[in-house]
Amino acid sequence: MELGKFHATRLDPADPWVLRVAASVQETTCKKPVLLPNLAGSIPNESFSETLGLPTVWLPHSYPGCSQHAPNEHILLSSSREALRMMTGLFWDIGDTGAALPGSST
């Protein structure tokens, strides 16, 4: 890995973790998630996925018109509420299923 540079990462959309997270998000939001298997290299996801060998799933908490990283970047209250519900639901589901999760040793 080059210093100061992060490579894009990819997780198979059929990976058990992707399917579990997608099911949780759909259950919580009542919306079918859009799955993008590649994650650009603008965040250090490579450290987790490649160096540590962990499956990583990224859940955006924004929308296309937010102008992310632009001078007029903003976030909507409705997006923030949905993100909080989505993450709370996901953490609840992970805690609730425990040993039934992919890769669990217990």
C-alpha atoms as a PDB file:
ATOM      1  CA  MET A   1       0.000   0.000   0.000  1.00  0.00           C
ATOM      2  CA  GLU A   2       1.323   3.429  -0.936  1.00  0.00           C
ATOM      3  CA  LEU A   3       1.432   6.026   1.825  1.00  0.00           C
ATOM      4  CA  GLY A   4      -1.148   8.781   1.429  1.00  0.00           C
ATOM      5  CA  LYS A   5      -3.246   6.725  -0.959  1.00  0.00           C
ATOM      6  CA  PHE A   6      -6.162   4.364  -0.366  1.00  0.00           C
ATOM      7  CA  HIS A   7      -7.125   1.740  -2.902  1.00  0.00           C
ATOM      8  CA  ALA A   8     -10.710   0.946  -3.815  1.00  0.00           C
ATOM      9  CA  THR A   9     -12.174  -2.159  -2.172  1.00  0.00           C
ATOM     10  CA  ARG A  10     -14.811  -4.655  -3.216  1.00  0.00           C
ATOM     11  CA  LEU A  11     -17.053  -7.068  -1.336  1.00  0.00           C
ATOM     12  CA  ASP A  12     -19.127  -9.612  -3.231  1.00  0.00           C
ATOM     13  CA  PRO A  13     -22.827  -8.605  -3.082  1.00  0.00           C
ATOM     14  CA  ALA A  14     -23.606 -12.263  -2.300  1.00  0.00           C
ATOM     15  CA  ASP A  15     -21.366 -12.208   0.804  1.00  0.00           C
ATOM     16  CA  PRO A  16     -23.368 -13.319   3.877  1.00  0.00           C
ATOM     17  CA  TRP A  17     -22.580 -10.063   5.690  1.00  0.00           C
ATOM     18  CA  VAL A  18     -23.884  -7.997   2.772  1.00  0.00           C
ATOM     19  CA  LEU A  19     -27.093 -10.031   2.677  1.00  0.00           C
ATOM     20  CA  ARG A  20     -27.586  -9.705   6.449  1.00  0.00           C
ATOM     21  CA  VAL A  21     -26.960  -5.956   6.476  1.00  0.00           C
ATOM     22  CA  ALA A  22     -29.196  -5.425   3.429  1.00  0.00           C
ATOM     23  CA  ALA A  23     -32.014  -7.404   5.080  1.00  0.00           C
ATOM     24  CA  SER A  24     -31.689  -5.349   8.267  1.00  0.00           C
ATOM     25  CA  VAL A  25     -31.689  -2.044   6.376  1.00  0.00           C
ATOM     26  CA  GLN A  26     -34.726  -3.089   4.336  1.00  0.00           C
ATOM     27  CA  GLU A  27     -36.592  -4.202   7.451  1.00  0.00           C
ATOM     28  CA  THR A  28     -35.855  -0.937   9.267  1.00  0.00           C
ATOM     29  CA  THR A  29     -36.406   1.527   6.410  1.00  0.00           C
ATOM     30  CA  CYS A  30     -39.037  -0.384   4.396  1.00  0.00           C
ATOM     31  CA  LYS A  31     -36.878   0.412   1.338  1.00  0.00           C
ATOM     32  CA  LYS A  32     -34.879  -1.972  -0.807  1.00  0.00           C
ATOM     33  CA  PRO A  33     -31.186  -1.038  -0.427  1.00  0.00           C
ATOM     34  CA  VAL A  34     -29.081  -0.276  -3.480  1.00  0.00           C
ATOM     35  CA  LEU A  35     -25.939  -2.399  -3.400  1.00  0.00           C
ATOM     36  CA  LEU A  36     -22.687  -1.068  -4.815  1.00  0.00           C
ATOM     37  CA  PRO A  37     -19.959  -3.715  -4.459  1.00  0.00           C
ATOM     38  CA  ASN A  38     -17.045  -1.294  -4.884  1.00  0.00           C
ATOM     39  CA  LEU A  39     -15.991   1.377  -2.415  1.00  0.00           C
ATOM     40  CA  ALA A  40     -13.813   4.161  -3.748  1.00  0.00           C
ATOM     41  CA  GLY A  41     -10.411   4.867  -2.313  1.00  0.00           C
ATOM     42  CA  SER A  42     -11.280   8.093  -0.507  1.00  0.00           C
ATOM     43  CA  ILE A  43     -11.528   6.444   2.916  1.00  0.00           C
ATOM     44  CA  PRO A  44      -9.140   3.993   4.604  1.00  0.00           C
ATOM     45  CA  ASN A  45     -11.468   1.016   4.092  1.00  0.00           C
ATOM     46  CA  GLU A  46      -8.516  -0.896   2.647  1.00  0.00           C
ATOM     47  CA  SER A  47      -7.003  -1.027   6.151  1.00  0.00           C
ATOM     48  CA  PHE A  48      -9.932  -3.115   7.350  1.00  0.00           C
ATOM     49  CA  SER A  49     -10.747  -5.143   4.251  1.00  0.00           C
ATOM     50  CA  GLU A  50      -7.267  -5.935   2.928  1.00  0.00           C
ATOM     51  CA  THR A  51      -4.884  -5.565   5.873  1.00  0.00           C
ATOM     52  CA  LEU A  52      -7.167  -7.114   8.519  1.00  0.00           C
ATOM     53  CA  GLY A  53      -9.194  -9.315   6.144  1.00  0.00           C
ATOM     54  CA  LEU A  54     -12.556  -8.129   7.471  1.00  0.00           C
ATOM     55  CA  PRO A  55     -15.706  -7.883   5.365  1.00  0.00           C
ATOM     56  CA  THR A  56     -16.719  -4.234   5.273  1.00  0.00           C
ATOM     57  CA  VAL A  57     -20.092  -2.751   4.444  1.00  0.00           C
ATOM     58  CA  TRP A  58     -20.490   1.007   4.071  1.00  0.00           C
ATOM     59  CA  LEU A  59     -23.855   2.633   4.767  1.00  0.00           C
ATOM     60  CA  PRO A  60     -24.173   6.197   3.495  1.00  0.00           C
ATOM     61  CA  HIS A  61     -26.083   8.686   5.598  1.00  0.00           C
ATOM     62  CA  SER A  62     -26.756  11.222   2.914  1.00  0.00           C
ATOM     63  CA  TYR A  63     -28.356  11.684  -0.484  1.00  0.00           C
ATOM     64  CA  PRO A  64     -27.014  12.524  -3.982  1.00  0.00           C
ATOM     65  CA  GLY A  65     -27.724  16.284  -3.834  1.00  0.00           C
ATOM     66  CA  CYS A  66     -25.935  16.926  -0.524  1.00  0.00           C
ATOM     67  CA  SER A  67     -22.841  18.341  -2.264  1.00  0.00           C
ATOM     68  CA  GLN A  68     -20.625  16.207  -0.051  1.00  0.00           C
ATOM     69  CA  HIS A  69     -17.198  17.805   0.503  1.00  0.00           C
ATOM     70  CA  ALA A  70     -18.255  20.944  -1.394  1.00  0.00           C
ATOM     71  CA  PRO A  71     -18.431  24.443   0.127  1.00  0.00           C
ATOM     72  CA  ASN A  72     -22.235  24.143   0.244  1.00  0.00           C
ATOM     73  CA  GLU A  73     -22.316  20.649   1.769  1.00  0.00           C
ATOM     74  CA  HIS A  74     -25.416  19.997   3.843  1.00  0.00           C
ATOM     75  CA  ILE A  75     -27.484  17.222   5.364  1.00  0.00           C
ATOM     76  CA  LEU A  76     -31.227  16.943   5.746  1.00  0.00           C
ATOM     77  CA  LEU A  77     -32.894  16.283   9.072  1.00  0.00           C
ATOM     78  CA  SER A  78     -34.937  13.520   7.430  1.00  0.00           C
ATOM     79  CA  SER A  79     -31.730  11.813   6.203  1.00  0.00           C
ATOM     80  CA  SER A  80     -30.219  12.087   9.670  1.00  0.00           C
ATOM     81  CA  ARG A  81     -33.268  10.506  11.294  1.00  0.00           C
ATOM     82  CA  GLU A  82     -33.339   7.685   8.762  1.00  0.00           C
ATOM     83  CA  ALA A  83     -29.601   7.066   9.286  1.00  0.00           C
ATOM     84  CA  LEU A  84     -30.083   6.857  13.057  1.00  0.00           C
ATOM     85  CA  ARG A  85     -32.975   4.409  12.636  1.00  0.00           C
ATOM     86  CA  MET A  86     -31.009   2.365  10.101  1.00  0.00           C
ATOM     87  CA  MET A  87     -27.895   2.050  12.282  1.00  0.00           C
ATOM     88  CA  THR A  88     -29.913   1.394  15.452  1.00  0.00           C
ATOM     89  CA  GLY A  89     -31.795  -1.358  13.617  1.00  0.00           C
ATOM     90  CA  LEU A  90     -28.575  -2.865  12.309  1.00  0.00           C
ATOM     91  CA  PHE A  91     -26.865  -2.874  15.712  1.00  0.00           C
ATOM     92  CA  TRP A  92     -30.020  -4.356  17.253  1.00  0.00           C
ATOM     93  CA  ASP A  93     -30.133  -7.103  14.633  1.00  0.00           C
ATOM     94  CA  ILE A  94     -26.438  -7.923  15.050  1.00  0.00           C
ATOM     95  CA  GLY A  95     -26.855  -8.129  18.825  1.00  0.00           C
ATOM     96  CA  ASP A  96     -30.058 -10.120  18.518  1.00  0.00           C
ATOM     97  CA  THR A  97     -28.667 -12.757  16.140  1.00  0.00           C
ATOM     98  CA  GLY A  98     -25.264 -13.136  17.824  1.00  0.00           C
ATOM     99  CA  ALA A  99     -23.877 -16.551  16.944  1.00  0.00           C
ATOM    100  CA  ALA A 100     -25.985 -16.801  13.798  1.00  0.00           C
ATOM    101  CA  LEU A 101     -23.889 -14.113  12.100  1.00  0.00           C
ATOM    102  CA  PRO A 102     -21.506 -15.038   9.289  1.00  0.00           C
ATOM    103  CA  GLY A 103     -18.024 -15.831  10.523  1.00  0.00           C
ATOM    104  CA  SER A 104     -19.085 -16.065  14.169  1.00  0.00           C
ATOM    105  CA  SER A 105     -17.063 -18.479  16.272  1.00  0.00           C
ATOM    106  CA  THR A 106     -19.673 -18.872  19.030  1.00  0.00           C
END
